[in-house]
Amino acid sequence: MFARLKRADRYLRPVIDMNEAVEPCLAITHQLCAKEKALLNVRRALIRDHIDHGLNTVHAPVGRAKVKTLVRYR
């Protein structure tokens, strides 16, 4: 999961550079759309990991509450 976050950072850095270099808005928007999909995949992987971990501790009321909260963000 951390590898995905690092990859997302590597994806976003060029977009920031494009903005600072005053690239055309259409080019920046196109890049942001692609990066958004990468971040969505990171979020989904993170939530899946936490749900899997939460299900291992589902016998505890706090574990069940966390799982219910995370499922909302899938």
PDB file of N, CA and C in Angstrom:
ATOM      1  N   MET A   1       0.823  -1.178   0.000  1.00  0.00           N
ATOM      2  CA  MET A   1       0.000   0.000   0.000  1.00  0.00           C
ATOM      3  C   MET A   1       0.873   1.249   0.000  1.00  0.00           C
ATOM      4  N   PHE A   2       1.943   1.247   0.798  1.00  0.00           N
ATOM      5  CA  PHE A   2       2.816   2.421   0.828  1.00  0.00           C
ATOM      6  C   PHE A   2       3.491   2.629  -0.521  1.00  0.00           C
ATOM      7  N   ALA A   3       3.737   1.533  -1.218  1.00  0.00           N
ATOM      8  CA  ALA A   3       4.313   1.652  -2.562  1.00  0.00           C
ATOM      9  C   ALA A   3       3.348   2.389  -3.479  1.00  0.00           C
ATOM     10  N   ARG A   4       2.060   2.121  -3.325  1.00  0.00           N
ATOM     11  CA  ARG A   4       1.059   2.821  -4.139  1.00  0.00           C
ATOM     12  C   ARG A   4       1.018   4.307  -3.783  1.00  0.00           C
ATOM     13  N   LEU A   5       1.136   4.626  -2.518  1.00  0.00           N
ATOM     14  CA  LEU A   5       1.149   6.033  -2.114  1.00  0.00           C
ATOM     15  C   LEU A   5       2.372   6.754  -2.672  1.00  0.00           C
ATOM     16  N   LYS A   6       3.508   6.084  -2.636  1.00  0.00           N
ATOM     17  CA  LYS A   6       4.718   6.688  -3.190  1.00  0.00           C
ATOM     18  C   LYS A   6       4.577   6.879  -4.697  1.00  0.00           C
ATOM     19  N   ARG A   7       3.960   5.921  -5.354  1.00  0.00           N
ATOM     20  CA  ARG A   7       3.732   6.026  -6.784  1.00  0.00           C
ATOM     21  C   ARG A   7       2.792   7.198  -7.078  1.00  0.00           C
ATOM     22  N   ALA A   8       1.766   7.360  -6.253  1.00  0.00           N
ATOM     23  CA  ALA A   8       0.844   8.485  -6.440  1.00  0.00           C
ATOM     24  C   ALA A   8       1.581   9.813  -6.280  1.00  0.00           C
ATOM     25  N   ASP A   9       2.505   9.866  -5.342  1.00  0.00           N
ATOM     26  CA  ASP A   9       3.299  11.081  -5.161  1.00  0.00           C
ATOM     27  C   ASP A   9       4.131  11.360  -6.405  1.00  0.00           C
ATOM     28  N   ARG A  10       4.720  10.313  -6.967  1.00  0.00           N
ATOM     29  CA  ARG A  10       5.510  10.489  -8.195  1.00  0.00           C
ATOM     30  C   ARG A  10       4.618  10.938  -9.347  1.00  0.00           C
ATOM     31  N   TYR A  11       3.346  10.528  -9.333  1.00  0.00           N
ATOM     32  CA  TYR A  11       2.417  10.948 -10.378  1.00  0.00           C
ATOM     33  C   TYR A  11       2.023  12.417 -10.208  1.00  0.00           C
ATOM     34  N   LEU A  12       1.842  12.836  -8.984  1.00  0.00           N
ATOM     35  CA  LEU A  12       1.353  14.195  -8.741  1.00  0.00           C
ATOM     36  C   LEU A  12       2.433  15.257  -8.888  1.00  0.00           C
ATOM     37  N   ARG A  13       3.641  14.909  -8.603  1.00  0.00           N
ATOM     38  CA  ARG A  13       4.743  15.878  -8.687  1.00  0.00           C
ATOM     39  C   ARG A  13       4.824  16.542 -10.067  1.00  0.00           C
ATOM     40  N   PRO A  14       4.767  15.774 -11.170  1.00  0.00           N
ATOM     41  CA  PRO A  14       4.816  16.423 -12.490  1.00  0.00           C
ATOM     42  C   PRO A  14       3.630  17.356 -12.752  1.00  0.00           C
ATOM     43  N   VAL A  15       2.468  17.031 -12.192  1.00  0.00           N
ATOM     44  CA  VAL A  15       1.306  17.903 -12.374  1.00  0.00           C
ATOM     45  C   VAL A  15       1.544  19.232 -11.671  1.00  0.00           C
ATOM     46  N   ILE A  16       2.125  19.179 -10.503  1.00  0.00           N
ATOM     47  CA  ILE A  16       2.457  20.411  -9.781  1.00  0.00           C
ATOM     48  C   ILE A  16       3.463  21.216 -10.593  1.00  0.00           C
ATOM     49  N   ASP A  17       4.444  20.532 -11.150  1.00  0.00           N
ATOM     50  CA  ASP A  17       5.435  21.219 -11.984  1.00  0.00           C
ATOM     51  C   ASP A  17       4.782  21.841 -13.219  1.00  0.00           C
ATOM     52  N   MET A  18       3.824  21.124 -13.815  1.00  0.00           N
ATOM     53  CA  MET A  18       3.108  21.663 -14.977  1.00  0.00           C
ATOM     54  C   MET A  18       2.372  22.945 -14.607  1.00  0.00           C
ATOM     55  N   ASN A  19       1.769  22.954 -13.450  1.00  0.00           N
ATOM     56  CA  ASN A  19       1.024  24.127 -13.001  1.00  0.00           C
ATOM     57  C   ASN A  19       1.965  25.306 -12.769  1.00  0.00           C
ATOM     58  N   GLU A  20       3.099  25.031 -12.144  1.00  0.00           N
ATOM     59  CA  GLU A  20       4.063  26.096 -11.882  1.00  0.00           C
ATOM     60  C   GLU A  20       4.676  26.627 -13.175  1.00  0.00           C
ATOM     61  N   ALA A  21       4.769  25.774 -14.199  1.00  0.00           N
ATOM     62  CA  ALA A  21       5.319  26.195 -15.493  1.00  0.00           C
ATOM     63  C   ALA A  21       4.243  26.828 -16.380  1.00  0.00           C
ATOM     64  N   VAL A  22       3.040  26.964 -15.842  1.00  0.00           N
ATOM     65  CA  VAL A  22       1.900  27.572 -16.533  1.00  0.00           C
ATOM     66  C   VAL A  22       1.613  26.838 -17.855  1.00  0.00           C
ATOM     67  N   GLU A  23       1.497  25.539 -17.752  1.00  0.00           N
ATOM     68  CA  GLU A  23       1.107  24.711 -18.900  1.00  0.00           C
ATOM     69  C   GLU A  23      -0.374  24.972 -19.195  1.00  0.00           C
ATOM     70  N   PRO A  24      -0.832  24.614 -20.387  1.00  0.00           N
ATOM     71  CA  PRO A  24      -2.253  24.796 -20.730  1.00  0.00           C
ATOM     72  C   PRO A  24      -3.169  24.025 -19.773  1.00  0.00           C
ATOM     73  N   CYS A  25      -4.282  24.626 -19.437  1.00  0.00           N
ATOM     74  CA  CYS A  25      -5.225  24.021 -18.488  1.00  0.00           C
ATOM     75  C   CYS A  25      -5.697  22.645 -18.946  1.00  0.00           C
ATOM     76  N   LEU A  26      -5.896  22.481 -20.242  1.00  0.00           N
ATOM     77  CA  LEU A  26      -6.375  21.195 -20.748  1.00  0.00           C
ATOM     78  C   LEU A  26      -5.366  20.084 -20.478  1.00  0.00           C
ATOM     79  N   ALA A  27      -4.101  20.375 -20.648  1.00  0.00           N
ATOM     80  CA  ALA A  27      -3.058  19.378 -20.383  1.00  0.00           C
ATOM     81  C   ALA A  27      -3.018  19.025 -18.895  1.00  0.00           C
ATOM     82  N   ILE A  28      -3.113  20.030 -18.046  1.00  0.00           N
ATOM     83  CA  ILE A  28      -3.100  19.797 -16.592  1.00  0.00           C
ATOM     84  C   ILE A  28      -4.328  18.988 -16.183  1.00  0.00           C
ATOM     85  N   THR A  29      -5.494  19.345 -16.727  1.00  0.00           N
ATOM     86  CA  THR A  29      -6.732  18.638 -16.399  1.00  0.00           C
ATOM     87  C   THR A  29      -6.652  17.182 -16.829  1.00  0.00           C
ATOM     88  N   HIS A  30      -6.111  16.940 -18.001  1.00  0.00           N
ATOM     89  CA  HIS A  30      -5.952  15.568 -18.497  1.00  0.00           C
ATOM     90  C   HIS A  30      -5.073  14.763 -17.551  1.00  0.00           C
ATOM     91  N   GLN A  31      -3.978  15.341 -17.122  1.00  0.00           N
ATOM     92  CA  GLN A  31      -3.074  14.661 -16.200  1.00  0.00           C
ATOM     93  C   GLN A  31      -3.739  14.422 -14.844  1.00  0.00           C
ATOM     94  N   LEU A  32      -4.489  15.404 -14.368  1.00  0.00           N
ATOM     95  CA  LEU A  32      -5.166  15.250 -13.078  1.00  0.00           C
ATOM     96  C   LEU A  32      -6.199  14.125 -13.116  1.00  0.00           C
ATOM     97  N   CYS A  33      -6.880  13.990 -14.230  1.00  0.00           N
ATOM     98  CA  CYS A  33      -7.869  12.922 -14.373  1.00  0.00           C
ATOM     99  C   CYS A  33      -7.191  11.556 -14.233  1.00  0.00           C
ATOM    100  N   ALA A  34      -6.071  11.394 -14.882  1.00  0.00           N
ATOM    101  CA  ALA A  34      -5.329  10.133 -14.787  1.00  0.00           C
ATOM    102  C   ALA A  34      -4.832   9.902 -13.367  1.00  0.00           C
ATOM    103  N   LYS A  35      -4.356  10.943 -12.739  1.00  0.00           N
ATOM    104  CA  LYS A  35      -3.823  10.821 -11.380  1.00  0.00           C
ATOM    105  C   LYS A  35      -4.940  10.517 -10.388  1.00  0.00           C
ATOM    106  N   GLU A  36      -6.119  11.073 -10.645  1.00  0.00           N
ATOM    107  CA  GLU A  36      -7.264  10.826  -9.774  1.00  0.00           C
ATOM    108  C   GLU A  36      -7.596   9.337  -9.742  1.00  0.00           C
ATOM    109  N   LYS A  37      -7.525   8.676 -10.882  1.00  0.00           N
ATOM    110  CA  LYS A  37      -7.791   7.242 -10.932  1.00  0.00           C
ATOM    111  C   LYS A  37      -6.760   6.471 -10.113  1.00  0.00           C
ATOM    112  N   ALA A  38      -5.502   6.893 -10.182  1.00  0.00           N
ATOM    113  CA  ALA A  38      -4.458   6.233  -9.399  1.00  0.00           C
ATOM    114  C   ALA A  38      -4.725   6.403  -7.907  1.00  0.00           C
ATOM    115  N   LEU A  39      -5.120   7.598  -7.500  1.00  0.00           N
ATOM    116  CA  LEU A  39      -5.410   7.842  -6.083  1.00  0.00           C
ATOM    117  C   LEU A  39      -6.643   7.064  -5.623  1.00  0.00           C
ATOM    118  N   LEU A  40      -7.620   6.926  -6.487  1.00  0.00           N
ATOM    119  CA  LEU A  40      -8.798   6.135  -6.153  1.00  0.00           C
ATOM    120  C   LEU A  40      -8.410   4.687  -5.872  1.00  0.00           C
ATOM    121  N   ASN A  41      -7.507   4.154  -6.678  1.00  0.00           N
ATOM    122  CA  ASN A  41      -7.038   2.783  -6.448  1.00  0.00           C
ATOM    123  C   ASN A  41      -6.278   2.662  -5.134  1.00  0.00           C
ATOM    124  N   VAL A  42      -5.501   3.682  -4.785  1.00  0.00           N
ATOM    125  CA  VAL A  42      -4.790   3.682  -3.507  1.00  0.00           C
ATOM    126  C   VAL A  42      -5.794   3.683  -2.360  1.00  0.00           C
ATOM    127  N   ARG A  43      -6.818   4.543  -2.472  1.00  0.00           N
ATOM    128  CA  ARG A  43      -7.833   4.620  -1.410  1.00  0.00           C
ATOM    129  C   ARG A  43      -8.539   3.284  -1.247  1.00  0.00           C
ATOM    130  N   ARG A  44      -8.904   2.661  -2.355  1.00  0.00           N
ATOM    131  CA  ARG A  44      -9.599   1.379  -2.277  1.00  0.00           C
ATOM    132  C   ARG A  44      -8.720   0.303  -1.637  1.00  0.00           C
ATOM    133  N   ALA A  45      -7.459   0.274  -2.002  1.00  0.00           N
ATOM    134  CA  ALA A  45      -6.546  -0.713  -1.422  1.00  0.00           C
ATOM    135  C   ALA A  45      -6.391  -0.485   0.080  1.00  0.00           C
ATOM    136  N   LEU A  46      -6.269   0.763   0.478  1.00  0.00           N
ATOM    137  CA  LEU A  46      -6.139   1.095   1.897  1.00  0.00           C
ATOM    138  C   LEU A  46      -7.375   0.656   2.674  1.00  0.00           C
ATOM    139  N   ILE A  47      -8.535   0.945   2.134  1.00  0.00           N
ATOM    140  CA  ILE A  47      -9.781   0.567   2.815  1.00  0.00           C
ATOM    141  C   ILE A  47      -9.911  -0.950   2.889  1.00  0.00           C
ATOM    142  N   ARG A  48      -9.579  -1.643   1.787  1.00  0.00           N
ATOM    143  CA  ARG A  48      -9.641  -3.112   1.816  1.00  0.00           C
ATOM    144  C   ARG A  48      -8.724  -3.687   2.885  1.00  0.00           C
ATOM    145  N   ASP A  49      -7.514  -3.123   2.980  1.00  0.00           N
ATOM    146  CA  ASP A  49      -6.573  -3.596   4.000  1.00  0.00           C
ATOM    147  C   ASP A  49      -7.137  -3.388   5.400  1.00  0.00           C
ATOM    148  N   HIS A  50      -7.736  -2.231   5.627  1.00  0.00           N
ATOM    149  CA  HIS A  50      -8.279  -1.949   6.954  1.00  0.00           C
ATOM    150  C   HIS A  50      -9.515  -2.796   7.248  1.00  0.00           C
ATOM    151  N   ILE A  51     -10.330  -3.035   6.230  1.00  0.00           N
ATOM    152  CA  ILE A  51     -11.498  -3.895   6.442  1.00  0.00           C
ATOM    153  C   ILE A  51     -11.043  -5.307   6.776  1.00  0.00           C
ATOM    154  N   ASP A  52     -10.066  -5.812   6.011  1.00  0.00           N
ATOM    155  CA  ASP A  52      -9.555  -7.152   6.292  1.00  0.00           C
ATOM    156  C   ASP A  52      -9.009  -7.235   7.711  1.00  0.00           C
ATOM    157  N   HIS A  53      -8.283  -6.218   8.123  1.00  0.00           N
ATOM    158  CA  HIS A  53      -7.743  -6.198   9.481  1.00  0.00           C
ATOM    159  C   HIS A  53      -8.877  -6.097  10.497  1.00  0.00           C
ATOM    160  N   GLY A  54      -9.871  -5.274  10.203  1.00  0.00           N
ATOM    161  CA  GLY A  54     -10.999  -5.097  11.113  1.00  0.00           C
ATOM    162  C   GLY A  54     -11.817  -6.365  11.264  1.00  0.00           C
ATOM    163  N   LEU A  55     -11.938  -7.121  10.182  1.00  0.00           N
ATOM    164  CA  LEU A  55     -12.706  -8.368  10.252  1.00  0.00           C
ATOM    165  C   LEU A  55     -12.012  -9.397  11.131  1.00  0.00           C
ATOM    166  N   ASN A  56     -10.699  -9.289  11.239  1.00  0.00           N
ATOM    167  CA  ASN A  56      -9.974 -10.194  12.130  1.00  0.00           C
ATOM    168  C   ASN A  56     -10.253  -9.878  13.589  1.00  0.00           C
ATOM    169  N   THR A  57     -10.671  -8.647  13.861  1.00  0.00           N
ATOM    170  CA  THR A  57     -10.975  -8.253  15.237  1.00  0.00           C
ATOM    171  C   THR A  57     -12.461  -7.930  15.385  1.00  0.00           C
ATOM    172  N   VAL A  58     -13.299  -8.545  14.549  1.00  0.00           N
ATOM    173  CA  VAL A  58     -14.720  -8.219  14.527  1.00  0.00           C
ATOM    174  C   VAL A  58     -15.438  -8.594  15.824  1.00  0.00           C
ATOM    175  N   HIS A  59     -14.834  -9.445  16.615  1.00  0.00           N
ATOM    176  CA  HIS A  59     -15.475  -9.818  17.873  1.00  0.00           C
ATOM    177  C   HIS A  59     -15.552  -8.646  18.840  1.00  0.00           C
ATOM    178  N   ALA A  60     -14.730  -7.648  18.634  1.00  0.00           N
ATOM    179  CA  ALA A  60     -14.754  -6.472  19.500  1.00  0.00           C
ATOM    180  C   ALA A  60     -15.718  -5.436  18.908  1.00  0.00           C
ATOM    181  N   PRO A  61     -16.541  -4.802  19.736  1.00  0.00           N
ATOM    182  CA  PRO A  61     -17.485  -3.795  19.233  1.00  0.00           C
ATOM    183  C   PRO A  61     -16.788  -2.659  18.474  1.00  0.00           C
ATOM    184  N   VAL A  62     -15.621  -2.269  18.924  1.00  0.00           N
ATOM    185  CA  VAL A  62     -14.892  -1.191  18.253  1.00  0.00           C
ATOM    186  C   VAL A  62     -14.491  -1.640  16.852  1.00  0.00           C
ATOM    187  N   GLY A  63     -14.074  -2.885  16.694  1.00  0.00           N
ATOM    188  CA  GLY A  63     -13.695  -3.423  15.388  1.00  0.00           C
ATOM    189  C   GLY A  63     -14.854  -3.401  14.409  1.00  0.00           C
ATOM    190  N   ARG A  64     -16.026  -3.785  14.876  1.00  0.00           N
ATOM    191  CA  ARG A  64     -17.212  -3.773  14.008  1.00  0.00           C
ATOM    192  C   ARG A  64     -17.566  -2.360  13.595  1.00  0.00           C
ATOM    193  N   ALA A  65     -17.462  -1.418  14.505  1.00  0.00           N
ATOM    194  CA  ALA A  65     -17.792  -0.019  14.194  1.00  0.00           C
ATOM    195  C   ALA A  65     -16.832   0.534  13.145  1.00  0.00           C
ATOM    196  N   LYS A  66     -15.560   0.202  13.275  1.00  0.00           N
ATOM    197  CA  LYS A  66     -14.574   0.675  12.296  1.00  0.00           C
ATOM    198  C   LYS A  66     -14.870   0.110  10.914  1.00  0.00           C
ATOM    199  N   VAL A  67     -15.207  -1.165  10.858  1.00  0.00           N
ATOM    200  CA  VAL A  67     -15.497  -1.797   9.573  1.00  0.00           C
ATOM    201  C   VAL A  67     -16.707  -1.124   8.930  1.00  0.00           C
ATOM    202  N   LYS A  68     -17.748  -0.866   9.699  1.00  0.00           N
ATOM    203  CA  LYS A  68     -18.937  -0.212   9.153  1.00  0.00           C
ATOM    204  C   LYS A  68     -18.601   1.179   8.617  1.00  0.00           C
ATOM    205  N   THR A  69     -17.757   1.901   9.327  1.00  0.00           N
ATOM    206  CA  THR A  69     -17.359   3.233   8.880  1.00  0.00           C
ATOM    207  C   THR A  69     -16.563   3.158   7.580  1.00  0.00           C
ATOM    208  N   LEU A  70     -15.633   2.224   7.497  1.00  0.00           N
ATOM    209  CA  LEU A  70     -14.806   2.102   6.304  1.00  0.00           C
ATOM    210  C   LEU A  70     -15.586   1.641   5.089  1.00  0.00           C
ATOM    211  N   VAL A  71     -16.543   0.774   5.279  1.00  0.00           N
ATOM    212  CA  VAL A  71     -17.331   0.256   4.161  1.00  0.00           C
ATOM    213  C   VAL A  71     -18.034   1.404   3.437  1.00  0.00           C
ATOM    214  N   ARG A  72     -18.380   2.425   4.161  1.00  0.00           N
ATOM    215  CA  ARG A  72     -19.030   3.597   3.570  1.00  0.00           C
ATOM    216  C   ARG A  72     -18.172   4.252   2.495  1.00  0.00           C
ATOM    217  N   TYR A  73     -16.849   4.193   2.626  1.00  0.00           N
ATOM    218  CA  TYR A  73     -15.951   4.898   1.718  1.00  0.00           C
ATOM    219  C   TYR A  73     -15.452   4.052   0.560  1.00  0.00           C
ATOM    220  N   ARG A  74     -15.940   2.815   0.439  1.00  0.00           N
ATOM    221  CA  ARG A  74     -15.476   1.956  -0.661  1.00  0.00           C
ATOM    222  C   ARG A  74     -15.850   2.536  -1.940  1.00  0.00           C
TER     223      ARG A  74
END
